[in-house]
Amino acid sequence: MNEHRRSPRKSAYVTIPVMNKMTGTVMGRIGNLSADGMLMVCDQQVVDGALFQLGFELVNGHGQPQMIEVGAQEMWQERANVPGQFWAGFHFIDISNGDLEAIESWLGNLSD
């Protein structure tokens, strides 16, 4: 896989579904996450350059689940190693300060 990242990311060691907030359907799951984007593992191709309103749940610094909502743009994609799956890179273009803090806290609580 080619390196397209702008900032360090941490892998998700548990399944974190990602919801398309406009359709109410699960688009995929987080493969890795940073403060400004993510790699999503999807079961179908994503439209090149498309904009999405996405939601996913992270455990915050208090051990409580917190729904994170971001505006994101698809930046690249390629076929995954598993037939019928795709890797898609997303850049966050809109995120609240509270959700950004929650992501940064989650990233800080993970071990490499």
C-alpha atoms as a PDB file:
ATOM      1  CA  MET A   1       0.000   0.000   0.000  1.00  0.00           C
ATOM      2  CA  ASN A   2       1.338   3.456  -0.870  1.00  0.00           C
ATOM      3  CA  GLU A   3       1.977   5.957   1.925  1.00  0.00           C
ATOM      4  CA  HIS A   4      -0.449   8.911   1.677  1.00  0.00           C
ATOM      5  CA  ARG A   5      -0.547  10.003   5.339  1.00  0.00           C
ATOM      6  CA  ARG A   6       0.052  13.508   6.631  1.00  0.00           C
ATOM      7  CA  SER A   7       0.245  12.621  10.324  1.00  0.00           C
ATOM      8  CA  PRO A   8       0.913   9.491  12.378  1.00  0.00           C
ATOM      9  CA  ARG A   9      -1.955   7.057  12.733  1.00  0.00           C
ATOM     10  CA  LYS A  10      -2.777   4.271  15.152  1.00  0.00           C
ATOM     11  CA  SER A  11      -4.400   1.011  14.172  1.00  0.00           C
ATOM     12  CA  ALA A  12      -7.809   0.123  15.560  1.00  0.00           C
ATOM     13  CA  TYR A  13      -7.374  -3.102  17.510  1.00  0.00           C
ATOM     14  CA  VAL A  14     -11.130  -3.584  17.875  1.00  0.00           C
ATOM     15  CA  THR A  15     -13.836  -3.323  15.223  1.00  0.00           C
ATOM     16  CA  ILE A  16     -15.077   0.270  14.989  1.00  0.00           C
ATOM     17  CA  PRO A  17     -17.933   0.555  12.475  1.00  0.00           C
ATOM     18  CA  VAL A  18     -18.179   3.795  10.475  1.00  0.00           C
ATOM     19  CA  MET A  19     -21.668   5.057   9.682  1.00  0.00           C
ATOM     20  CA  ASN A  20     -22.622   7.182   6.683  1.00  0.00           C
ATOM     21  CA  LYS A  21     -24.763   9.713   8.570  1.00  0.00           C
ATOM     22  CA  MET A  22     -26.654  10.733   5.419  1.00  0.00           C
ATOM     23  CA  THR A  23     -27.868   7.223   4.577  1.00  0.00           C
ATOM     24  CA  GLY A  24     -27.814   5.640   8.034  1.00  0.00           C
ATOM     25  CA  THR A  25     -25.812   2.678   6.729  1.00  0.00           C
ATOM     26  CA  VAL A  26     -22.469   1.272   7.825  1.00  0.00           C
ATOM     27  CA  MET A  27     -19.835   2.158   5.210  1.00  0.00           C
ATOM     28  CA  GLY A  28     -16.998   0.145   6.670  1.00  0.00           C
ATOM     29  CA  ARG A  29     -14.723  -0.043   9.687  1.00  0.00           C
ATOM     30  CA  ILE A  30     -11.714   1.937  10.844  1.00  0.00           C
ATOM     31  CA  GLY A  31      -8.403   0.391   9.860  1.00  0.00           C
ATOM     32  CA  ASN A  32      -6.353   3.194  11.377  1.00  0.00           C
ATOM     33  CA  LEU A  33      -7.057   6.686  12.640  1.00  0.00           C
ATOM     34  CA  SER A  34      -5.278  10.012  13.102  1.00  0.00           C
ATOM     35  CA  ALA A  35      -6.429  13.441  14.193  1.00  0.00           C
ATOM     36  CA  ASP A  36      -6.905  14.475  10.561  1.00  0.00           C
ATOM     37  CA  GLY A  37      -8.048  11.332   8.783  1.00  0.00           C
ATOM     38  CA  MET A  38      -8.475   7.591   8.650  1.00  0.00           C
ATOM     39  CA  LEU A  39      -8.081   4.472   6.610  1.00  0.00           C
ATOM     40  CA  MET A  40     -11.428   2.725   6.247  1.00  0.00           C
ATOM     41  CA  VAL A  41     -11.894  -0.897   5.221  1.00  0.00           C
ATOM     42  CA  CYS A  42     -15.003  -0.971   2.987  1.00  0.00           C
ATOM     43  CA  ASP A  43     -17.040  -3.750   1.388  1.00  0.00           C
ATOM     44  CA  GLN A  44     -17.592  -1.669  -1.746  1.00  0.00           C
ATOM     45  CA  GLN A  45     -15.755   1.011  -3.680  1.00  0.00           C
ATOM     46  CA  VAL A  46     -16.166   4.632  -2.660  1.00  0.00           C
ATOM     47  CA  VAL A  47     -16.726   7.392  -5.224  1.00  0.00           C
ATOM     48  CA  ASP A  48     -13.397   9.136  -5.899  1.00  0.00           C
ATOM     49  CA  GLY A  49     -13.177  12.487  -4.115  1.00  0.00           C
ATOM     50  CA  ALA A  50     -16.665  12.171  -2.604  1.00  0.00           C
ATOM     51  CA  LEU A  51     -17.633  14.080   0.542  1.00  0.00           C
ATOM     52  CA  PHE A  52     -19.251  12.282   3.462  1.00  0.00           C
ATOM     53  CA  GLN A  53     -20.712  12.974   6.883  1.00  0.00           C
ATOM     54  CA  LEU A  54     -19.376  10.063   8.945  1.00  0.00           C
ATOM     55  CA  GLY A  55     -19.947   8.879  12.486  1.00  0.00           C
ATOM     56  CA  PHE A  56     -18.116   6.377  14.660  1.00  0.00           C
ATOM     57  CA  GLU A  57     -17.887   5.647  18.361  1.00  0.00           C
ATOM     58  CA  LEU A  58     -14.706   5.840  20.422  1.00  0.00           C
ATOM     59  CA  VAL A  59     -14.146   5.299  24.123  1.00  0.00           C
ATOM     60  CA  ASN A  60     -13.241   8.691  25.613  1.00  0.00           C
ATOM     61  CA  GLY A  61     -10.722   9.481  28.352  1.00  0.00           C
ATOM     62  CA  HIS A  62     -13.347   8.659  31.005  1.00  0.00           C
ATOM     63  CA  GLY A  63     -13.939   5.167  29.623  1.00  0.00           C
ATOM     64  CA  GLN A  64     -17.319   6.161  28.174  1.00  0.00           C
ATOM     65  CA  PRO A  65     -18.420   5.705  24.552  1.00  0.00           C
ATOM     66  CA  GLN A  66     -18.533   8.965  22.586  1.00  0.00           C
ATOM     67  CA  MET A  67     -20.046   9.405  19.132  1.00  0.00           C
ATOM     68  CA  ILE A  68     -17.640  11.237  16.828  1.00  0.00           C
ATOM     69  CA  GLU A  69     -18.990  13.016  13.748  1.00  0.00           C
ATOM     70  CA  VAL A  70     -16.740  14.278  10.974  1.00  0.00           C
ATOM     71  CA  GLY A  71     -17.022  15.707   7.512  1.00  0.00           C
ATOM     72  CA  ALA A  72     -14.578  13.725   5.379  1.00  0.00           C
ATOM     73  CA  GLN A  73     -13.365  13.552   1.798  1.00  0.00           C
ATOM     74  CA  GLU A  74     -12.215  10.354   0.104  1.00  0.00           C
ATOM     75  CA  MET A  75      -8.624  10.909  -1.026  1.00  0.00           C
ATOM     76  CA  TRP A  76      -7.568   7.525  -2.440  1.00  0.00           C
ATOM     77  CA  GLN A  77      -8.568   3.882  -2.513  1.00  0.00           C
ATOM     78  CA  GLU A  78      -7.264   0.520  -3.617  1.00  0.00           C
ATOM     79  CA  ARG A  79      -8.270  -3.104  -3.448  1.00  0.00           C
ATOM     80  CA  ALA A  80      -7.524  -4.773  -0.123  1.00  0.00           C
ATOM     81  CA  ASN A  81      -5.891  -8.170   0.234  1.00  0.00           C
ATOM     82  CA  VAL A  82      -9.310  -9.717   0.927  1.00  0.00           C
ATOM     83  CA  PRO A  83     -11.478 -10.225  -2.185  1.00  0.00           C
ATOM     84  CA  GLY A  84     -14.408  -7.794  -2.267  1.00  0.00           C
ATOM     85  CA  GLN A  85     -12.847  -5.345   0.202  1.00  0.00           C
ATOM     86  CA  PHE A  86     -11.295  -1.941  -0.421  1.00  0.00           C
ATOM     87  CA  TRP A  87      -9.013   0.367   1.547  1.00  0.00           C
ATOM     88  CA  ALA A  88     -10.050   4.009   1.344  1.00  0.00           C
ATOM     89  CA  GLY A  89      -8.174   6.987   2.761  1.00  0.00           C
ATOM     90  CA  PHE A  90     -10.229   9.883   4.131  1.00  0.00           C
ATOM     91  CA  HIS A  91      -9.163  13.382   5.149  1.00  0.00           C
ATOM     92  CA  PHE A  92     -11.274  15.101   7.818  1.00  0.00           C
ATOM     93  CA  ILE A  93     -12.463  18.458   6.524  1.00  0.00           C
ATOM     94  CA  ASP A  94     -14.868  19.314   9.357  1.00  0.00           C
ATOM     95  CA  ILE A  95     -14.690  18.232  13.003  1.00  0.00           C
ATOM     96  CA  SER A  96     -15.754  19.880  16.256  1.00  0.00           C
ATOM     97  CA  ASN A  97     -13.155  20.749  18.878  1.00  0.00           C
ATOM     98  CA  GLY A  98     -14.736  18.258  21.294  1.00  0.00           C
ATOM     99  CA  ASP A  99     -14.606  15.418  18.769  1.00  0.00           C
ATOM    100  CA  LEU A 100     -11.014  16.282  17.850  1.00  0.00           C
ATOM    101  CA  GLU A 101     -10.053  16.190  21.539  1.00  0.00           C
ATOM    102  CA  ALA A 102     -11.759  12.792  21.897  1.00  0.00           C
ATOM    103  CA  ILE A 103      -9.791  11.392  18.930  1.00  0.00           C
ATOM    104  CA  GLU A 104      -6.525  12.780  20.311  1.00  0.00           C
ATOM    105  CA  SER A 105      -7.288  11.260  23.724  1.00  0.00           C
ATOM    106  CA  TRP A 106      -8.109   7.888  22.131  1.00  0.00           C
ATOM    107  CA  LEU A 107      -4.889   7.986  20.122  1.00  0.00           C
ATOM    108  CA  GLY A 108      -2.900   8.811  23.255  1.00  0.00           C
ATOM    109  CA  ASN A 109      -4.397   5.866  25.161  1.00  0.00           C
ATOM    110  CA  LEU A 110      -3.370   3.252  22.603  1.00  0.00           C
ATOM    111  CA  SER A 111      -0.101   1.424  22.717  1.00  0.00           C
ATOM    112  CA  ASP A 112       1.781   0.775  19.477  1.00  0.00           C
END
